[in-house]
N, C-alpha and C. Protein backbone atom coordinates (compact mmCIF):
# COMPACT_ATOMS: atom_id res chain seq x y z
N MET A 1 13.52 -9.24 22.22
CA MET A 1 12.16 -8.84 22.49
C MET A 1 12.17 -7.40 22.98
N SER A 2 11.32 -6.59 22.35
CA SER A 2 11.17 -5.20 22.77
C SER A 2 9.70 -4.80 22.63
N LEU A 3 9.35 -3.72 23.25
CA LEU A 3 7.99 -3.22 23.14
C LEU A 3 7.65 -2.94 21.68
N ASP A 4 8.60 -2.39 20.95
CA ASP A 4 8.39 -2.10 19.53
C ASP A 4 8.11 -3.38 18.74
N GLU A 5 8.89 -4.44 19.01
CA GLU A 5 8.67 -5.71 18.30
C GLU A 5 7.29 -6.28 18.63
N ILE A 6 6.89 -6.18 19.89
CA ILE A 6 5.57 -6.70 20.28
C ILE A 6 4.48 -5.95 19.53
N LYS A 7 4.59 -4.63 19.47
CA LYS A 7 3.59 -3.84 18.74
C LYS A 7 3.57 -4.19 17.26
N LYS A 8 4.75 -4.40 16.69
CA LYS A 8 4.82 -4.77 15.26
C LYS A 8 4.18 -6.14 15.02
N ARG A 9 4.43 -7.08 15.92
CA ARG A 9 3.82 -8.41 15.77
C ARG A 9 2.30 -8.33 15.91
N ALA A 10 1.83 -7.53 16.83
CA ALA A 10 0.39 -7.34 16.98
C ALA A 10 -0.19 -6.78 15.69
N SER A 11 0.47 -5.76 15.14
CA SER A 11 0.02 -5.15 13.89
C SER A 11 0.03 -6.15 12.74
N ALA A 12 1.08 -6.95 12.68
CA ALA A 12 1.19 -7.95 11.61
C ALA A 12 0.05 -8.96 11.69
N HIS A 13 -0.26 -9.43 12.88
CA HIS A 13 -1.35 -10.40 13.02
C HIS A 13 -2.69 -9.75 12.69
N GLU A 14 -2.85 -8.50 13.03
CA GLU A 14 -4.08 -7.80 12.68
C GLU A 14 -4.23 -7.70 11.16
N LYS A 15 -3.14 -7.36 10.47
CA LYS A 15 -3.17 -7.27 9.01
C LYS A 15 -3.46 -8.63 8.38
N CYS A 16 -2.83 -9.68 8.91
CA CYS A 16 -3.06 -11.02 8.37
C CYS A 16 -4.50 -11.47 8.57
N ALA A 17 -5.04 -11.16 9.74
CA ALA A 17 -6.43 -11.53 10.00
C ALA A 17 -7.36 -10.88 8.99
N GLU A 18 -7.14 -9.60 8.71
CA GLU A 18 -7.99 -8.91 7.74
C GLU A 18 -7.80 -9.48 6.34
N HIS A 19 -6.57 -9.82 5.98
CA HIS A 19 -6.32 -10.41 4.66
C HIS A 19 -7.08 -11.73 4.50
N HIS A 20 -6.98 -12.60 5.50
CA HIS A 20 -7.65 -13.90 5.41
C HIS A 20 -9.18 -13.73 5.44
N ARG A 21 -9.68 -12.80 6.25
CA ARG A 21 -11.12 -12.57 6.30
C ARG A 21 -11.63 -12.09 4.95
N SER A 22 -10.90 -11.17 4.35
CA SER A 22 -11.29 -10.62 3.06
C SER A 22 -11.26 -11.68 1.97
N ARG A 23 -10.18 -12.46 1.93
CA ARG A 23 -10.06 -13.50 0.90
C ARG A 23 -11.13 -14.58 1.09
N ASP A 24 -11.40 -14.94 2.33
CA ASP A 24 -12.43 -15.93 2.60
C ASP A 24 -13.79 -15.43 2.12
N ALA A 25 -14.08 -14.17 2.37
CA ALA A 25 -15.35 -13.61 1.93
C ALA A 25 -15.46 -13.59 0.41
N ARG A 26 -14.38 -13.19 -0.27
CA ARG A 26 -14.41 -13.14 -1.74
C ARG A 26 -14.56 -14.53 -2.34
N LEU A 27 -13.72 -15.46 -1.89
CA LEU A 27 -13.80 -16.82 -2.44
C LEU A 27 -15.12 -17.49 -2.08
N GLY A 28 -15.54 -17.30 -0.84
CA GLY A 28 -16.81 -17.91 -0.41
C GLY A 28 -17.99 -17.38 -1.21
N GLY A 29 -18.01 -16.08 -1.44
CA GLY A 29 -19.09 -15.50 -2.24
C GLY A 29 -19.09 -16.00 -3.66
N ALA A 30 -17.90 -16.05 -4.25
CA ALA A 30 -17.80 -16.54 -5.63
C ALA A 30 -18.20 -18.01 -5.71
N ALA A 31 -17.73 -18.81 -4.77
CA ALA A 31 -18.06 -20.24 -4.79
C ALA A 31 -19.55 -20.47 -4.63
N LYS A 32 -20.17 -19.73 -3.74
CA LYS A 32 -21.62 -19.88 -3.52
C LYS A 32 -22.40 -19.44 -4.74
N PHE A 33 -21.98 -18.34 -5.35
CA PHE A 33 -22.67 -17.84 -6.53
C PHE A 33 -22.59 -18.84 -7.68
N VAL A 34 -21.40 -19.29 -7.96
CA VAL A 34 -21.22 -20.22 -9.08
C VAL A 34 -21.90 -21.54 -8.78
N SER A 35 -21.79 -22.03 -7.57
CA SER A 35 -22.43 -23.29 -7.21
C SER A 35 -23.95 -23.19 -7.30
N ALA A 36 -24.49 -22.03 -6.97
CA ALA A 36 -25.94 -21.84 -7.05
C ALA A 36 -26.40 -21.89 -8.51
N ILE A 37 -25.62 -21.29 -9.39
CA ILE A 37 -25.97 -21.33 -10.82
C ILE A 37 -25.97 -22.78 -11.32
N VAL A 38 -24.90 -23.47 -10.98
CA VAL A 38 -24.79 -24.86 -11.42
C VAL A 38 -25.87 -25.70 -10.77
N GLY A 39 -26.10 -25.50 -9.49
CA GLY A 39 -27.11 -26.26 -8.76
C GLY A 39 -28.51 -26.05 -9.30
N ALA A 40 -28.75 -24.94 -9.92
CA ALA A 40 -30.08 -24.65 -10.47
C ALA A 40 -30.35 -25.40 -11.77
N GLY A 41 -29.38 -26.08 -12.25
CA GLY A 41 -29.60 -26.92 -13.44
C GLY A 41 -29.40 -26.23 -14.76
N VAL A 42 -28.69 -25.10 -14.75
CA VAL A 42 -28.46 -24.39 -16.01
C VAL A 42 -27.74 -25.28 -17.01
N PHE A 43 -26.70 -25.95 -16.55
CA PHE A 43 -25.93 -26.78 -17.45
C PHE A 43 -26.78 -27.91 -18.02
N VAL A 44 -27.53 -28.57 -17.16
CA VAL A 44 -28.38 -29.68 -17.62
C VAL A 44 -29.40 -29.20 -18.63
N GLY A 45 -30.00 -28.05 -18.36
CA GLY A 45 -30.99 -27.51 -19.29
C GLY A 45 -30.41 -27.18 -20.64
N LEU A 46 -29.23 -26.56 -20.65
CA LEU A 46 -28.61 -26.20 -21.93
C LEU A 46 -28.11 -27.42 -22.69
N VAL A 47 -27.58 -28.40 -21.97
CA VAL A 47 -27.14 -29.62 -22.63
C VAL A 47 -28.32 -30.28 -23.32
N SER A 48 -29.44 -30.34 -22.62
CA SER A 48 -30.64 -30.95 -23.18
C SER A 48 -31.14 -30.16 -24.39
N LYS A 49 -31.16 -28.84 -24.27
CA LYS A 49 -31.66 -27.99 -25.35
C LYS A 49 -30.83 -28.12 -26.63
N PHE A 50 -29.53 -28.27 -26.49
CA PHE A 50 -28.66 -28.34 -27.66
C PHE A 50 -28.38 -29.75 -28.14
N GLY A 51 -29.12 -30.69 -27.64
CA GLY A 51 -29.03 -32.04 -28.17
C GLY A 51 -27.84 -32.84 -27.71
N LEU A 52 -27.27 -32.49 -26.58
CA LEU A 52 -26.11 -33.23 -26.08
C LEU A 52 -26.50 -34.26 -25.02
N ASP A 53 -27.79 -34.45 -24.84
CA ASP A 53 -28.23 -35.41 -23.83
C ASP A 53 -28.42 -36.80 -24.41
N GLY A 54 -28.20 -36.96 -25.71
CA GLY A 54 -28.32 -38.27 -26.35
C GLY A 54 -29.72 -38.62 -26.79
N ARG A 55 -30.69 -37.77 -26.54
CA ARG A 55 -32.09 -38.08 -26.88
C ARG A 55 -32.50 -37.53 -28.23
N SER A 56 -31.91 -36.42 -28.64
CA SER A 56 -32.38 -35.78 -29.86
C SER A 56 -31.70 -36.30 -31.11
N GLY A 57 -30.71 -37.13 -30.96
CA GLY A 57 -30.02 -37.68 -32.12
C GLY A 57 -28.93 -36.80 -32.66
N SER A 58 -28.80 -35.58 -32.15
CA SER A 58 -27.75 -34.67 -32.61
C SER A 58 -26.61 -34.66 -31.60
N PRO A 59 -25.48 -35.21 -31.93
CA PRO A 59 -24.38 -35.24 -30.98
C PRO A 59 -23.60 -33.93 -30.93
N LEU A 60 -23.94 -32.97 -31.78
CA LEU A 60 -23.19 -31.72 -31.83
C LEU A 60 -24.08 -30.55 -31.41
N VAL A 61 -23.45 -29.54 -30.89
CA VAL A 61 -24.15 -28.31 -30.54
C VAL A 61 -24.52 -27.61 -31.84
N SER A 62 -25.65 -26.93 -31.83
CA SER A 62 -26.08 -26.18 -33.01
C SER A 62 -24.98 -25.23 -33.44
N PRO A 63 -24.75 -25.11 -34.75
CA PRO A 63 -23.68 -24.25 -35.25
C PRO A 63 -23.80 -22.82 -34.70
N GLY A 64 -22.67 -22.26 -34.29
CA GLY A 64 -22.64 -20.89 -33.76
C GLY A 64 -22.84 -20.82 -32.26
N TRP A 65 -23.25 -21.92 -31.63
CA TRP A 65 -23.53 -21.90 -30.19
C TRP A 65 -22.53 -22.74 -29.40
N GLU A 66 -21.47 -23.18 -30.04
CA GLU A 66 -20.48 -24.00 -29.33
C GLU A 66 -19.88 -23.26 -28.13
N TRP A 67 -19.67 -21.97 -28.29
CA TRP A 67 -19.07 -21.17 -27.21
C TRP A 67 -19.92 -21.22 -25.95
N LEU A 68 -21.24 -21.26 -26.13
CA LEU A 68 -22.13 -21.29 -24.96
C LEU A 68 -21.97 -22.61 -24.20
N TYR A 69 -21.85 -23.70 -24.94
CA TYR A 69 -21.64 -24.99 -24.30
C TYR A 69 -20.36 -24.96 -23.47
N TRP A 70 -19.27 -24.46 -24.04
CA TRP A 70 -18.00 -24.43 -23.32
C TRP A 70 -18.02 -23.46 -22.14
N LEU A 71 -18.73 -22.35 -22.31
CA LEU A 71 -18.87 -21.40 -21.21
C LEU A 71 -19.59 -22.04 -20.03
N VAL A 72 -20.70 -22.69 -20.31
CA VAL A 72 -21.48 -23.31 -19.23
C VAL A 72 -20.69 -24.46 -18.62
N LEU A 73 -19.99 -25.21 -19.42
CA LEU A 73 -19.17 -26.29 -18.88
C LEU A 73 -18.10 -25.73 -17.94
N THR A 74 -17.46 -24.63 -18.37
CA THR A 74 -16.43 -24.00 -17.53
C THR A 74 -17.02 -23.50 -16.22
N VAL A 75 -18.17 -22.84 -16.29
CA VAL A 75 -18.82 -22.33 -15.08
C VAL A 75 -19.20 -23.50 -14.16
N SER A 76 -19.66 -24.58 -14.74
CA SER A 76 -20.07 -25.72 -13.91
C SER A 76 -18.89 -26.36 -13.19
N LEU A 77 -17.71 -26.28 -13.76
CA LEU A 77 -16.52 -26.82 -13.11
C LEU A 77 -15.89 -25.82 -12.15
N THR A 78 -16.14 -24.54 -12.37
CA THR A 78 -15.55 -23.50 -11.52
C THR A 78 -16.13 -23.52 -10.12
N GLY A 79 -17.42 -23.76 -9.99
CA GLY A 79 -18.07 -23.77 -8.67
C GLY A 79 -17.42 -24.73 -7.69
N PRO A 80 -17.35 -26.01 -8.03
CA PRO A 80 -16.69 -26.94 -7.12
C PRO A 80 -15.20 -26.63 -6.90
N ALA A 81 -14.54 -26.12 -7.93
CA ALA A 81 -13.12 -25.78 -7.78
C ALA A 81 -12.94 -24.65 -6.77
N LEU A 82 -13.78 -23.62 -6.85
CA LEU A 82 -13.71 -22.51 -5.90
C LEU A 82 -14.03 -22.98 -4.48
N THR A 83 -15.02 -23.85 -4.36
CA THR A 83 -15.37 -24.38 -3.04
C THR A 83 -14.21 -25.17 -2.46
N ALA A 84 -13.58 -25.99 -3.26
CA ALA A 84 -12.43 -26.77 -2.79
C ALA A 84 -11.28 -25.85 -2.40
N LEU A 85 -11.05 -24.80 -3.18
CA LEU A 85 -9.99 -23.84 -2.87
C LEU A 85 -10.26 -23.14 -1.55
N GLN A 86 -11.50 -22.73 -1.34
CA GLN A 86 -11.85 -22.05 -0.10
C GLN A 86 -11.63 -22.97 1.10
N ILE A 87 -12.00 -24.21 0.97
CA ILE A 87 -11.81 -25.17 2.06
C ILE A 87 -10.32 -25.40 2.30
N GLN A 88 -9.55 -25.56 1.23
CA GLN A 88 -8.12 -25.82 1.35
C GLN A 88 -7.38 -24.66 2.02
N LEU A 89 -7.75 -23.43 1.71
CA LEU A 89 -7.05 -22.27 2.25
C LEU A 89 -7.38 -22.02 3.72
N HIS A 90 -8.45 -22.54 4.21
CA HIS A 90 -8.93 -22.39 5.60
C HIS A 90 -8.70 -20.98 6.15
N ASP A 91 -9.11 -19.98 5.38
CA ASP A 91 -8.93 -18.59 5.80
C ASP A 91 -9.70 -18.26 7.07
N ALA A 92 -10.90 -18.81 7.22
CA ALA A 92 -11.69 -18.50 8.41
C ALA A 92 -10.96 -18.92 9.68
N ASP A 93 -10.33 -20.08 9.67
CA ASP A 93 -9.55 -20.53 10.82
C ASP A 93 -8.34 -19.63 11.06
N ASP A 94 -7.68 -19.23 9.98
CA ASP A 94 -6.52 -18.37 10.09
C ASP A 94 -6.89 -17.01 10.69
N VAL A 95 -8.07 -16.50 10.33
CA VAL A 95 -8.54 -15.23 10.88
C VAL A 95 -8.61 -15.33 12.40
N LEU A 96 -9.21 -16.38 12.89
CA LEU A 96 -9.35 -16.55 14.35
C LEU A 96 -8.00 -16.64 15.03
N GLN A 97 -7.08 -17.40 14.45
CA GLN A 97 -5.77 -17.55 15.06
C GLN A 97 -4.98 -16.23 15.05
N HIS A 98 -5.08 -15.49 13.96
CA HIS A 98 -4.37 -14.20 13.91
C HIS A 98 -4.99 -13.21 14.90
N ARG A 99 -6.31 -13.23 15.04
CA ARG A 99 -6.95 -12.33 16.01
C ARG A 99 -6.55 -12.67 17.44
N GLU A 100 -6.45 -13.96 17.74
CA GLU A 100 -5.99 -14.36 19.07
C GLU A 100 -4.57 -13.89 19.33
N SER A 101 -3.70 -14.05 18.34
CA SER A 101 -2.32 -13.60 18.49
C SER A 101 -2.26 -12.08 18.63
N PHE A 102 -3.04 -11.37 17.83
CA PHE A 102 -3.08 -9.92 17.91
C PHE A 102 -3.49 -9.49 19.32
N ALA A 103 -4.55 -10.09 19.85
CA ALA A 103 -5.03 -9.72 21.18
C ALA A 103 -3.98 -10.01 22.26
N ALA A 104 -3.31 -11.14 22.15
CA ALA A 104 -2.30 -11.50 23.14
C ALA A 104 -1.11 -10.54 23.08
N TYR A 105 -0.63 -10.23 21.89
CA TYR A 105 0.48 -9.29 21.74
C TYR A 105 0.06 -7.88 22.21
N ARG A 106 -1.15 -7.48 21.86
CA ARG A 106 -1.64 -6.15 22.25
C ARG A 106 -1.72 -6.03 23.78
N LYS A 107 -2.23 -7.08 24.44
CA LYS A 107 -2.32 -7.06 25.90
C LYS A 107 -0.93 -7.00 26.51
N LEU A 108 0.00 -7.76 25.98
CA LEU A 108 1.37 -7.72 26.49
C LEU A 108 1.97 -6.32 26.32
N ALA A 109 1.76 -5.70 25.18
CA ALA A 109 2.27 -4.35 24.95
C ALA A 109 1.63 -3.35 25.92
N ASP A 110 0.33 -3.48 26.12
CA ASP A 110 -0.35 -2.58 27.07
C ASP A 110 0.19 -2.76 28.48
N ASP A 111 0.37 -4.01 28.90
CA ASP A 111 0.91 -4.28 30.23
C ASP A 111 2.32 -3.71 30.37
N TRP A 112 3.12 -3.85 29.33
CA TRP A 112 4.49 -3.33 29.36
C TRP A 112 4.47 -1.80 29.48
N GLU A 113 3.60 -1.16 28.70
CA GLU A 113 3.50 0.30 28.77
C GLU A 113 3.05 0.77 30.15
N ARG A 114 2.11 0.05 30.77
CA ARG A 114 1.67 0.40 32.13
C ARG A 114 2.83 0.23 33.12
N PHE A 115 3.61 -0.83 32.93
CA PHE A 115 4.76 -1.05 33.79
C PHE A 115 5.76 0.10 33.66
N LEU A 116 6.05 0.51 32.43
CA LEU A 116 6.99 1.60 32.21
C LEU A 116 6.48 2.91 32.79
N ALA A 117 5.18 3.12 32.77
CA ALA A 117 4.59 4.35 33.30
C ALA A 117 4.68 4.42 34.83
N ARG A 118 4.81 3.27 35.46
CA ARG A 118 4.88 3.23 36.94
C ARG A 118 6.24 3.70 37.46
N ASN A 119 7.26 3.72 36.66
CA ASN A 119 8.61 4.12 37.09
C ASN A 119 9.07 3.32 38.31
N VAL A 120 9.10 2.02 38.16
CA VAL A 120 9.52 1.14 39.25
C VAL A 120 11.01 1.32 39.49
N SER A 121 11.38 1.51 40.75
CA SER A 121 12.80 1.74 41.07
C SER A 121 13.47 0.50 41.66
N ASP A 122 12.69 -0.50 42.01
CA ASP A 122 13.24 -1.72 42.62
C ASP A 122 13.77 -2.63 41.51
N PRO A 123 15.08 -2.85 41.46
CA PRO A 123 15.66 -3.69 40.40
C PRO A 123 15.13 -5.12 40.41
N ALA A 124 14.85 -5.66 41.58
CA ALA A 124 14.34 -7.04 41.66
C ALA A 124 12.95 -7.13 41.03
N GLU A 125 12.12 -6.14 41.30
CA GLU A 125 10.78 -6.13 40.71
C GLU A 125 10.87 -5.94 39.19
N THR A 126 11.77 -5.08 38.76
CA THR A 126 11.96 -4.85 37.32
C THR A 126 12.40 -6.13 36.63
N ASP A 127 13.37 -6.82 37.23
CA ASP A 127 13.85 -8.08 36.65
C ASP A 127 12.73 -9.13 36.59
N ARG A 128 11.97 -9.24 37.68
CA ARG A 128 10.87 -10.21 37.73
C ARG A 128 9.83 -9.90 36.64
N THR A 129 9.48 -8.64 36.54
CA THR A 129 8.45 -8.24 35.57
C THR A 129 8.93 -8.45 34.14
N LEU A 130 10.17 -8.06 33.87
CA LEU A 130 10.71 -8.25 32.51
C LEU A 130 10.83 -9.73 32.18
N SER A 131 11.18 -10.54 33.16
CA SER A 131 11.25 -11.99 32.95
C SER A 131 9.86 -12.54 32.63
N GLU A 132 8.84 -12.06 33.36
CA GLU A 132 7.46 -12.48 33.09
C GLU A 132 7.03 -12.07 31.68
N PHE A 133 7.36 -10.82 31.30
CA PHE A 133 7.01 -10.34 29.96
C PHE A 133 7.71 -11.19 28.90
N SER A 134 8.96 -11.52 29.15
CA SER A 134 9.71 -12.35 28.20
C SER A 134 9.07 -13.72 28.06
N GLU A 135 8.68 -14.33 29.14
CA GLU A 135 8.01 -15.64 29.10
C GLU A 135 6.69 -15.55 28.34
N ARG A 136 5.92 -14.50 28.62
CA ARG A 136 4.65 -14.31 27.91
C ARG A 136 4.88 -14.13 26.42
N PHE A 137 5.90 -13.33 26.07
CA PHE A 137 6.21 -13.08 24.66
C PHE A 137 6.52 -14.39 23.94
N TYR A 138 7.40 -15.20 24.50
CA TYR A 138 7.79 -16.43 23.82
C TYR A 138 6.66 -17.46 23.81
N LYS A 139 5.80 -17.41 24.80
CA LYS A 139 4.63 -18.29 24.79
C LYS A 139 3.68 -17.89 23.65
N ILE A 140 3.46 -16.60 23.49
CA ILE A 140 2.62 -16.12 22.39
C ILE A 140 3.27 -16.44 21.05
N LEU A 141 4.56 -16.16 20.94
CA LEU A 141 5.28 -16.42 19.70
C LEU A 141 5.19 -17.89 19.30
N LYS A 142 5.34 -18.76 20.28
CA LYS A 142 5.31 -20.21 20.01
C LYS A 142 3.92 -20.68 19.57
N SER A 143 2.88 -20.09 20.13
CA SER A 143 1.53 -20.54 19.82
C SER A 143 0.89 -19.80 18.63
N SER A 144 1.55 -18.76 18.14
CA SER A 144 0.98 -17.95 17.05
C SER A 144 1.11 -18.64 15.71
N ILE A 145 0.15 -18.36 14.85
CA ILE A 145 0.23 -18.81 13.46
C ILE A 145 1.35 -18.00 12.80
N MET A 146 2.01 -18.61 11.83
CA MET A 146 3.14 -17.94 11.18
C MET A 146 2.69 -16.70 10.39
N LEU A 147 3.56 -15.73 10.39
CA LEU A 147 3.34 -14.53 9.58
C LEU A 147 4.05 -14.71 8.24
N THR A 148 3.47 -14.14 7.21
CA THR A 148 4.11 -14.20 5.90
C THR A 148 5.28 -13.23 5.85
N ARG A 149 6.23 -13.52 5.00
CA ARG A 149 7.40 -12.66 4.84
C ARG A 149 6.95 -11.26 4.40
N HIS A 150 5.95 -11.20 3.54
CA HIS A 150 5.45 -9.91 3.04
C HIS A 150 4.96 -9.04 4.20
N VAL A 151 4.18 -9.61 5.09
CA VAL A 151 3.63 -8.83 6.21
C VAL A 151 4.74 -8.46 7.19
N LYS A 152 5.69 -9.38 7.41
CA LYS A 152 6.81 -9.05 8.29
C LYS A 152 7.58 -7.83 7.77
N LYS A 153 7.81 -7.81 6.46
CA LYS A 153 8.52 -6.66 5.88
C LYS A 153 7.68 -5.40 5.99
N GLU A 154 6.37 -5.54 5.77
CA GLU A 154 5.47 -4.40 5.79
C GLU A 154 5.46 -3.70 7.16
N VAL A 155 5.53 -4.47 8.23
CA VAL A 155 5.50 -3.87 9.57
C VAL A 155 6.89 -3.64 10.16
N GLY A 156 7.93 -4.04 9.45
CA GLY A 156 9.29 -3.78 9.89
C GLY A 156 9.90 -4.85 10.78
N LEU A 157 9.43 -6.08 10.68
CA LEU A 157 10.02 -7.18 11.46
C LEU A 157 11.18 -7.83 10.72
N GLU A 158 11.32 -7.57 9.45
CA GLU A 158 12.46 -8.12 8.66
C GLU A 158 13.19 -7.00 7.99
């Protein structure tokens, strides 16, 4: 454990929080958009118009328009799939956990820097303080959400 490692971990959690926030926003926006289209009944309307509802007697889509049927079918399946993906990835929860870890590491780094600036000459006080910092570090490390290998490499932890 070093001040440099603490700062790197804080930076890594900050980067991860932003990554998860950004991905959650993108997936959430896409899922809502696609679900809104499907929810508005576009698929049902087009199925009915092209005789696929079983009422018009034509079991086939009008010639030349088959692509539209498949496009709408794909869009109608994409909405729920995106929503399920967004729920499965739980990015919003990960953002909160990474921000908590970032704040805890940042506070520890700030406290350590203040301690170093004091130029404490008492070895007993130095040992006590470093022991406290070490305990805080491992408590944060134990409770933190895992960092990805990519982010660890990016900030220099690996």
